[in-house]
Amino acid sequence: MKRLWERLIKDIRDFKIAIAAIILYNVLARSQFHAFCPQLILTGFPCAGCGMTRAVFYILTGQFARGMRLNPAAPLWILFLCWFFYNRYVRGVYQKGTRFWLGLVCVVTLAVYGYRMLYCFPGEPPMVYYRNNLLRKMILERQTIR
């Protein structure tokens, strides 16, 4: 158990700048746009990961159907992250297949996203158009100048 905490604290120290940048971005993005997703903020269209955090939360709290409606790729991410963290922090090893499995989960996530954009967009959150996006604001601003 002590080795697990040592590995975790080392990773936090090694990635402290990235962690701080994500926290700062989160605070700024949510305060200005009430959203976290950069693609959503810029274009108004949801990304492949939109709804993922809520989906994982619902699945882990026993609300599987609700989580699957938010993002059907969430169970794959849960399985991958559990496997990764077990190997990284409990066993202290880096599995050779990590990149392969991460790539596979990403490909499936993108395939699910493509399907949802074709057949479910616009629909229920998170598959909705965000009208307060920057691209729309720039286009509207440019039209009022002319």
N, C-alpha and C. Protein backbone atom coordinates (compact mmCIF):
# COMPACT_ATOMS: atom_id res chain seq x y z
N MET A 1 0.83 -1.20 0.00
CA MET A 1 0.00 0.00 0.00
C MET A 1 0.87 1.26 0.00
N LYS A 2 1.98 1.19 0.74
CA LYS A 2 2.88 2.34 0.80
C LYS A 2 3.46 2.64 -0.59
N ARG A 3 3.83 1.58 -1.34
CA ARG A 3 4.38 1.75 -2.70
C ARG A 3 3.35 2.39 -3.62
N LEU A 4 2.09 2.02 -3.46
CA LEU A 4 1.02 2.59 -4.28
C LEU A 4 0.97 4.10 -4.09
N TRP A 5 0.98 4.54 -2.84
CA TRP A 5 0.91 5.98 -2.55
C TRP A 5 2.17 6.70 -3.03
N GLU A 6 3.32 6.05 -2.90
CA GLU A 6 4.57 6.66 -3.39
C GLU A 6 4.50 6.88 -4.91
N ARG A 7 4.01 5.86 -5.64
CA ARG A 7 3.89 5.99 -7.10
C ARG A 7 2.90 7.08 -7.47
N LEU A 8 1.79 7.13 -6.77
CA LEU A 8 0.75 8.13 -7.06
C LEU A 8 1.27 9.54 -6.79
N ILE A 9 1.92 9.74 -5.67
CA ILE A 9 2.45 11.06 -5.32
C ILE A 9 3.55 11.48 -6.30
N LYS A 10 4.37 10.53 -6.73
CA LYS A 10 5.40 10.84 -7.72
C LYS A 10 4.76 11.32 -9.03
N ASP A 11 3.72 10.64 -9.48
CA ASP A 11 3.05 11.06 -10.71
C ASP A 11 2.41 12.44 -10.56
N ILE A 12 1.82 12.70 -9.41
CA ILE A 12 1.22 14.02 -9.17
C ILE A 12 2.30 15.09 -9.23
N ARG A 13 3.43 14.83 -8.62
CA ARG A 13 4.55 15.80 -8.66
C ARG A 13 5.07 15.98 -10.09
N ASP A 14 5.21 14.87 -10.82
CA ASP A 14 5.74 14.93 -12.19
C ASP A 14 4.80 15.70 -13.13
N PHE A 15 3.51 15.63 -12.87
CA PHE A 15 2.53 16.25 -13.77
C PHE A 15 1.82 17.44 -13.13
N LYS A 16 2.46 18.06 -12.13
CA LYS A 16 1.80 19.15 -11.40
C LYS A 16 1.44 20.34 -12.29
N ILE A 17 2.27 20.66 -13.27
CA ILE A 17 1.97 21.80 -14.15
C ILE A 17 0.75 21.48 -15.02
N ALA A 18 0.70 20.27 -15.56
CA ALA A 18 -0.45 19.87 -16.38
C ALA A 18 -1.73 19.83 -15.53
N ILE A 19 -1.64 19.33 -14.33
CA ILE A 19 -2.80 19.26 -13.43
C ILE A 19 -3.28 20.67 -13.11
N ALA A 20 -2.35 21.57 -12.80
CA ALA A 20 -2.72 22.96 -12.49
C ALA A 20 -3.35 23.63 -13.71
N ALA A 21 -2.81 23.37 -14.90
CA ALA A 21 -3.36 23.97 -16.13
C ALA A 21 -4.79 23.48 -16.39
N ILE A 22 -5.04 22.20 -16.17
CA ILE A 22 -6.40 21.66 -16.36
C ILE A 22 -7.37 22.25 -15.35
N ILE A 23 -6.94 22.39 -14.11
CA ILE A 23 -7.80 22.99 -13.08
C ILE A 23 -8.10 24.44 -13.43
N LEU A 24 -7.09 25.20 -13.83
CA LEU A 24 -7.29 26.59 -14.22
C LEU A 24 -8.22 26.70 -15.42
N TYR A 25 -7.99 25.87 -16.45
CA TYR A 25 -8.87 25.87 -17.62
C TYR A 25 -10.30 25.56 -17.21
N ASN A 26 -10.48 24.56 -16.35
CA ASN A 26 -11.81 24.17 -15.90
C ASN A 26 -12.53 25.34 -15.24
N VAL A 27 -11.85 26.03 -14.34
CA VAL A 27 -12.46 27.16 -13.63
C VAL A 27 -12.83 28.27 -14.62
N LEU A 28 -11.89 28.62 -15.51
CA LEU A 28 -12.15 29.70 -16.47
C LEU A 28 -13.24 29.33 -17.47
N ALA A 29 -13.17 28.14 -18.03
CA ALA A 29 -14.15 27.73 -19.04
C ALA A 29 -15.55 27.65 -18.45
N ARG A 30 -15.66 27.08 -17.27
CA ARG A 30 -16.99 26.96 -16.66
C ARG A 30 -17.54 28.32 -16.23
N SER A 31 -16.68 29.22 -15.79
CA SER A 31 -17.16 30.54 -15.38
C SER A 31 -17.58 31.39 -16.57
N GLN A 32 -16.92 31.23 -17.71
CA GLN A 32 -17.22 32.04 -18.89
C GLN A 32 -18.27 31.41 -19.81
N PHE A 33 -18.21 30.08 -19.97
CA PHE A 33 -19.06 29.40 -20.96
C PHE A 33 -20.01 28.36 -20.38
N HIS A 34 -19.90 28.09 -19.10
CA HIS A 34 -20.71 27.07 -18.43
C HIS A 34 -20.55 25.71 -19.10
N ALA A 35 -19.35 25.45 -19.60
CA ALA A 35 -19.02 24.18 -20.25
C ALA A 35 -17.54 23.94 -20.08
N PHE A 36 -17.11 22.69 -20.28
CA PHE A 36 -15.70 22.34 -20.16
C PHE A 36 -15.09 21.99 -21.52
N CYS A 37 -15.85 21.39 -22.39
CA CYS A 37 -15.37 20.85 -23.66
C CYS A 37 -14.91 21.95 -24.62
N PRO A 38 -13.63 21.95 -25.02
CA PRO A 38 -13.15 22.98 -25.94
C PRO A 38 -13.87 22.96 -27.29
N GLN A 39 -14.18 21.77 -27.79
CA GLN A 39 -14.88 21.69 -29.08
C GLN A 39 -16.27 22.30 -28.96
N LEU A 40 -16.95 22.02 -27.88
CA LEU A 40 -18.28 22.58 -27.66
C LEU A 40 -18.22 24.10 -27.54
N ILE A 41 -17.25 24.60 -26.82
CA ILE A 41 -17.09 26.04 -26.63
C ILE A 41 -16.76 26.73 -27.96
N LEU A 42 -15.91 26.12 -28.76
CA LEU A 42 -15.50 26.74 -30.02
C LEU A 42 -16.54 26.62 -31.12
N THR A 43 -17.10 25.41 -31.30
CA THR A 43 -17.98 25.17 -32.46
C THR A 43 -19.45 25.01 -32.11
N GLY A 44 -19.75 24.66 -30.88
CA GLY A 44 -21.13 24.40 -30.48
C GLY A 44 -21.53 22.94 -30.63
N PHE A 45 -20.67 22.13 -31.24
CA PHE A 45 -20.98 20.72 -31.45
C PHE A 45 -20.31 19.87 -30.37
N PRO A 46 -21.00 18.86 -29.85
CA PRO A 46 -20.41 18.02 -28.82
C PRO A 46 -19.25 17.20 -29.38
N CYS A 47 -18.33 16.83 -28.51
CA CYS A 47 -17.18 16.00 -28.93
C CYS A 47 -17.45 14.55 -28.54
N ALA A 48 -16.52 13.68 -28.88
CA ALA A 48 -16.66 12.25 -28.59
C ALA A 48 -16.70 11.98 -27.08
N GLY A 49 -16.12 12.87 -26.29
CA GLY A 49 -16.09 12.66 -24.84
C GLY A 49 -17.17 13.40 -24.08
N CYS A 50 -17.99 14.16 -24.78
CA CYS A 50 -19.05 14.91 -24.08
C CYS A 50 -19.99 13.96 -23.35
N GLY A 51 -20.21 14.25 -22.09
CA GLY A 51 -21.07 13.43 -21.25
C GLY A 51 -20.33 12.29 -20.56
N MET A 52 -19.03 12.14 -20.84
CA MET A 52 -18.28 11.01 -20.32
C MET A 52 -18.18 11.03 -18.79
N THR A 53 -17.88 12.17 -18.21
CA THR A 53 -17.72 12.25 -16.76
C THR A 53 -19.03 11.87 -16.06
N ARG A 54 -20.13 12.44 -16.52
CA ARG A 54 -21.43 12.11 -15.92
C ARG A 54 -21.78 10.65 -16.16
N ALA A 55 -21.47 10.13 -17.36
CA ALA A 55 -21.77 8.73 -17.67
C ALA A 55 -21.02 7.79 -16.73
N VAL A 56 -19.73 8.07 -16.53
CA VAL A 56 -18.93 7.24 -15.61
C VAL A 56 -19.49 7.32 -14.20
N PHE A 57 -19.84 8.52 -13.77
CA PHE A 57 -20.41 8.69 -12.43
C PHE A 57 -21.69 7.86 -12.28
N TYR A 58 -22.60 7.96 -13.24
CA TYR A 58 -23.86 7.21 -13.15
C TYR A 58 -23.63 5.71 -13.18
N ILE A 59 -22.72 5.25 -14.03
CA ILE A 59 -22.45 3.81 -14.10
C ILE A 59 -21.87 3.31 -12.78
N LEU A 60 -20.93 4.07 -12.22
CA LEU A 60 -20.30 3.65 -10.96
C LEU A 60 -21.24 3.74 -9.76
N THR A 61 -22.32 4.51 -9.89
CA THR A 61 -23.30 4.60 -8.80
C THR A 61 -24.53 3.74 -9.07
N GLY A 62 -24.41 2.80 -10.03
CA GLY A 62 -25.48 1.84 -10.26
C GLY A 62 -26.56 2.28 -11.23
N GLN A 63 -26.42 3.45 -11.83
CA GLN A 63 -27.42 3.92 -12.79
C GLN A 63 -26.90 3.68 -14.21
N PHE A 64 -26.76 2.39 -14.54
CA PHE A 64 -26.11 1.98 -15.77
C PHE A 64 -26.83 2.53 -17.01
N ALA A 65 -28.14 2.39 -17.08
CA ALA A 65 -28.89 2.85 -18.27
C ALA A 65 -28.73 4.36 -18.47
N ARG A 66 -28.79 5.09 -17.40
CA ARG A 66 -28.64 6.55 -17.49
C ARG A 66 -27.25 6.92 -17.99
N GLY A 67 -26.23 6.24 -17.49
CA GLY A 67 -24.86 6.47 -17.95
C GLY A 67 -24.67 6.11 -19.41
N MET A 68 -25.27 5.02 -19.84
CA MET A 68 -25.14 4.60 -21.23
C MET A 68 -25.82 5.59 -22.18
N ARG A 69 -26.89 6.23 -21.73
CA ARG A 69 -27.55 7.24 -22.57
C ARG A 69 -26.64 8.46 -22.76
N LEU A 70 -25.86 8.79 -21.73
CA LEU A 70 -24.98 9.95 -21.82
C LEU A 70 -23.78 9.68 -22.72
N ASN A 71 -23.14 8.53 -22.58
CA ASN A 71 -22.02 8.18 -23.45
C ASN A 71 -21.81 6.67 -23.39
N PRO A 72 -22.21 5.95 -24.44
CA PRO A 72 -22.11 4.49 -24.45
C PRO A 72 -20.68 3.95 -24.39
N ALA A 73 -19.68 4.78 -24.61
CA ALA A 73 -18.30 4.32 -24.53
C ALA A 73 -17.76 4.33 -23.10
N ALA A 74 -18.51 4.87 -22.17
CA ALA A 74 -18.03 5.00 -20.79
C ALA A 74 -17.59 3.69 -20.14
N PRO A 75 -18.31 2.56 -20.31
CA PRO A 75 -17.84 1.32 -19.67
C PRO A 75 -16.46 0.89 -20.15
N LEU A 76 -16.15 1.14 -21.42
CA LEU A 76 -14.82 0.80 -21.91
C LEU A 76 -13.74 1.63 -21.23
N TRP A 77 -14.02 2.91 -21.02
CA TRP A 77 -13.06 3.78 -20.34
C TRP A 77 -12.90 3.35 -18.88
N ILE A 78 -13.99 2.95 -18.24
CA ILE A 78 -13.89 2.48 -16.85
C ILE A 78 -12.99 1.24 -16.79
N LEU A 79 -13.24 0.28 -17.67
CA LEU A 79 -12.42 -0.94 -17.69
C LEU A 79 -10.96 -0.62 -17.99
N PHE A 80 -10.71 0.21 -19.00
CA PHE A 80 -9.33 0.54 -19.34
C PHE A 80 -8.63 1.23 -18.18
N LEU A 81 -9.28 2.23 -17.59
CA LEU A 81 -8.64 2.98 -16.50
C LEU A 81 -8.40 2.11 -15.27
N CYS A 82 -9.32 1.21 -14.96
CA CYS A 82 -9.10 0.29 -13.84
C CYS A 82 -7.88 -0.59 -14.12
N TRP A 83 -7.82 -1.14 -15.33
CA TRP A 83 -6.68 -1.99 -15.73
C TRP A 83 -5.38 -1.19 -15.68
N PHE A 84 -5.40 0.03 -16.22
CA PHE A 84 -4.20 0.87 -16.25
C PHE A 84 -3.74 1.22 -14.84
N PHE A 85 -4.66 1.70 -13.99
CA PHE A 85 -4.28 2.09 -12.63
C PHE A 85 -3.83 0.89 -11.80
N TYR A 86 -4.44 -0.26 -12.02
CA TYR A 86 -4.00 -1.46 -11.31
C TYR A 86 -2.55 -1.77 -11.68
N ASN A 87 -2.24 -1.77 -12.97
CA ASN A 87 -0.87 -2.05 -13.41
C ASN A 87 0.10 -0.96 -12.97
N ARG A 88 -0.30 0.29 -13.09
CA ARG A 88 0.60 1.41 -12.81
C ARG A 88 0.89 1.56 -11.32
N TYR A 89 -0.17 1.52 -10.52
CA TYR A 89 0.01 1.85 -9.10
C TYR A 89 0.07 0.64 -8.17
N VAL A 90 -0.69 -0.40 -8.43
CA VAL A 90 -0.66 -1.57 -7.56
C VAL A 90 0.52 -2.47 -7.91
N ARG A 91 0.62 -2.81 -9.19
CA ARG A 91 1.71 -3.70 -9.62
C ARG A 91 3.01 -2.95 -9.89
N GLY A 92 2.92 -1.66 -10.24
CA GLY A 92 4.11 -0.86 -10.52
C GLY A 92 4.78 -1.21 -11.83
N VAL A 93 3.99 -1.66 -12.81
CA VAL A 93 4.55 -2.03 -14.11
C VAL A 93 3.85 -1.27 -15.23
N TYR A 94 4.54 -1.19 -16.36
CA TYR A 94 3.95 -0.62 -17.56
C TYR A 94 3.73 -1.77 -18.53
N GLN A 95 2.49 -2.07 -18.84
CA GLN A 95 2.16 -3.16 -19.74
C GLN A 95 2.45 -2.77 -21.18
N LYS A 96 3.03 -3.68 -21.96
CA LYS A 96 3.33 -3.41 -23.35
C LYS A 96 2.07 -3.12 -24.16
N GLY A 97 0.96 -3.70 -23.79
CA GLY A 97 -0.27 -3.53 -24.54
C GLY A 97 -1.06 -2.28 -24.20
N THR A 98 -0.52 -1.42 -23.34
CA THR A 98 -1.26 -0.24 -22.90
C THR A 98 -1.66 0.65 -24.06
N ARG A 99 -0.74 0.96 -24.94
CA ARG A 99 -1.04 1.83 -26.07
C ARG A 99 -2.06 1.20 -27.01
N PHE A 100 -1.94 -0.11 -27.22
CA PHE A 100 -2.90 -0.80 -28.08
C PHE A 100 -4.31 -0.68 -27.51
N TRP A 101 -4.46 -0.99 -26.21
CA TRP A 101 -5.79 -0.96 -25.59
C TRP A 101 -6.33 0.46 -25.53
N LEU A 102 -5.47 1.43 -25.25
CA LEU A 102 -5.90 2.83 -25.27
C LEU A 102 -6.38 3.22 -26.66
N GLY A 103 -5.61 2.84 -27.68
CA GLY A 103 -5.99 3.12 -29.06
C GLY A 103 -7.32 2.48 -29.43
N LEU A 104 -7.51 1.24 -29.01
CA LEU A 104 -8.76 0.54 -29.30
C LEU A 104 -9.95 1.23 -28.64
N VAL A 105 -9.80 1.62 -27.39
CA VAL A 105 -10.87 2.33 -26.69
C VAL A 105 -11.17 3.66 -27.38
N CYS A 106 -10.13 4.36 -27.84
CA CYS A 106 -10.32 5.63 -28.56
C CYS A 106 -11.06 5.41 -29.88
N VAL A 107 -10.68 4.38 -30.62
CA VAL A 107 -11.34 4.08 -31.90
C VAL A 107 -12.82 3.75 -31.67
N VAL A 108 -13.12 2.94 -30.67
CA VAL A 108 -14.51 2.61 -30.37
C VAL A 108 -15.27 3.87 -29.95
N THR A 109 -14.63 4.72 -29.15
CA THR A 109 -15.26 5.96 -28.71
C THR A 109 -15.59 6.84 -29.92
N LEU A 110 -14.66 6.95 -30.86
CA LEU A 110 -14.91 7.75 -32.07
C LEU A 110 -15.99 7.13 -32.95
N ALA A 111 -16.04 5.81 -33.01
CA ALA A 111 -17.11 5.15 -33.79
C ALA A 111 -18.47 5.41 -33.16
N VAL A 112 -18.55 5.32 -31.84
CA VAL A 112 -19.80 5.62 -31.13
C VAL A 112 -20.19 7.08 -31.38
N TYR A 113 -19.22 7.97 -31.34
CA TYR A 113 -19.47 9.39 -31.60
C TYR A 113 -20.00 9.62 -33.00
N GLY A 114 -19.37 8.98 -33.99
CA GLY A 114 -19.84 9.11 -35.37
C GLY A 114 -21.28 8.65 -35.52
N TYR A 115 -21.60 7.52 -34.92
CA TYR A 115 -22.97 7.01 -34.96
C TYR A 115 -23.94 7.99 -34.31
N ARG A 116 -23.56 8.49 -33.15
CA ARG A 116 -24.45 9.40 -32.43
C ARG A 116 -24.63 10.72 -33.17
N MET A 117 -23.58 11.21 -33.83
CA MET A 117 -23.71 12.44 -34.60
C MET A 117 -24.63 12.23 -35.81
N LEU A 118 -24.57 11.05 -36.42
CA LEU A 118 -25.42 10.77 -37.58
C LEU A 118 -26.87 10.51 -37.20
N TYR A 119 -27.09 9.78 -36.11
CA TYR A 119 -28.44 9.31 -35.80
C TYR A 119 -29.08 9.91 -34.54
N CYS A 120 -28.31 10.58 -33.70
CA CYS A 120 -28.86 11.09 -32.45
C CYS A 120 -28.74 12.60 -32.29
N PHE A 121 -28.00 13.26 -33.18
CA PHE A 121 -27.78 14.69 -33.05
C PHE A 121 -28.74 15.44 -33.95
N PRO A 122 -29.33 16.52 -33.54
CA PRO A 122 -29.43 16.96 -32.15
C PRO A 122 -30.50 16.16 -31.42
N GLY A 123 -30.28 15.98 -30.17
CA GLY A 123 -31.20 15.16 -29.36
C GLY A 123 -31.10 15.54 -27.91
N GLU A 124 -31.05 14.51 -27.08
CA GLU A 124 -30.94 14.72 -25.64
C GLU A 124 -29.50 15.05 -25.28
N PRO A 125 -29.30 15.83 -24.20
CA PRO A 125 -27.93 16.12 -23.76
C PRO A 125 -27.17 14.82 -23.51
N PRO A 126 -25.92 14.79 -23.85
CA PRO A 126 -25.05 15.87 -24.30
C PRO A 126 -25.05 16.09 -25.82
N MET A 127 -25.88 15.40 -26.54
CA MET A 127 -25.88 15.52 -28.01
C MET A 127 -26.77 16.69 -28.45
N VAL A 128 -26.39 17.88 -28.01
CA VAL A 128 -27.13 19.09 -28.34
C VAL A 128 -26.17 20.14 -28.89
N TYR A 129 -26.72 21.12 -29.58
CA TYR A 129 -25.93 22.22 -30.10
C TYR A 129 -25.87 23.32 -29.04
N TYR A 130 -24.66 23.77 -28.75
CA TYR A 130 -24.43 24.81 -27.74
C TYR A 130 -24.42 26.16 -28.46
N ARG A 131 -25.47 26.92 -28.30
CA ARG A 131 -25.64 28.18 -29.04
C ARG A 131 -24.68 29.29 -28.61
N ASN A 132 -24.12 29.18 -27.43
CA ASN A 132 -23.23 30.21 -26.91
C ASN A 132 -21.77 29.97 -27.32
N ASN A 133 -21.55 29.34 -28.48
CA ASN A 133 -20.19 29.01 -28.90
C ASN A 133 -19.48 30.21 -29.53
N LEU A 134 -18.16 30.17 -29.53
CA LEU A 134 -17.35 31.29 -30.00
C LEU A 134 -17.47 31.50 -31.51
N LEU A 135 -17.52 30.43 -32.28
CA LEU A 135 -17.62 30.56 -33.73
C LEU A 135 -18.90 31.28 -34.12
N ARG A 136 -20.00 30.92 -33.52
CA ARG A 136 -21.29 31.57 -33.80
C ARG A 136 -21.24 33.05 -33.42
N LYS A 137 -20.64 33.33 -32.26
CA LYS A 137 -20.53 34.73 -31.82
C LYS A 137 -19.71 35.55 -32.81
N MET A 138 -18.60 34.97 -33.30
CA MET A 138 -17.75 35.69 -34.25
C MET A 138 -18.50 35.93 -35.57
N ILE A 139 -19.25 34.95 -36.04
CA ILE A 139 -20.00 35.10 -37.29
C ILE A 139 -21.09 36.16 -37.12
N LEU A 140 -21.82 36.11 -36.02
CA LEU A 140 -22.88 37.09 -35.77
C LEU A 140 -22.30 38.50 -35.62
N GLU A 141 -21.17 38.60 -34.95
CA GLU A 141 -20.51 39.89 -34.77
C GLU A 141 -20.05 40.46 -36.12
N ARG A 142 -19.54 39.60 -36.96
CA ARG A 142 -19.07 40.02 -38.28
C ARG A 142 -20.23 40.47 -39.15
N GLN A 143 -21.38 39.82 -39.03
CA GLN A 143 -22.56 40.19 -39.81
C GLN A 143 -23.13 41.52 -39.37
N THR A 144 -23.03 41.84 -38.07
CA THR A 144 -23.56 43.12 -37.60
C THR A 144 -22.65 44.29 -37.97
N ILE A 145 -21.36 44.00 -38.20
CA ILE A 145 -20.42 45.05 -38.60
C ILE A 145 -20.70 45.51 -40.04
N ARG A 146 -21.10 44.58 -40.90
CA ARG A 146 -21.35 44.91 -42.31
C ARG A 146 -22.56 45.72 -42.49
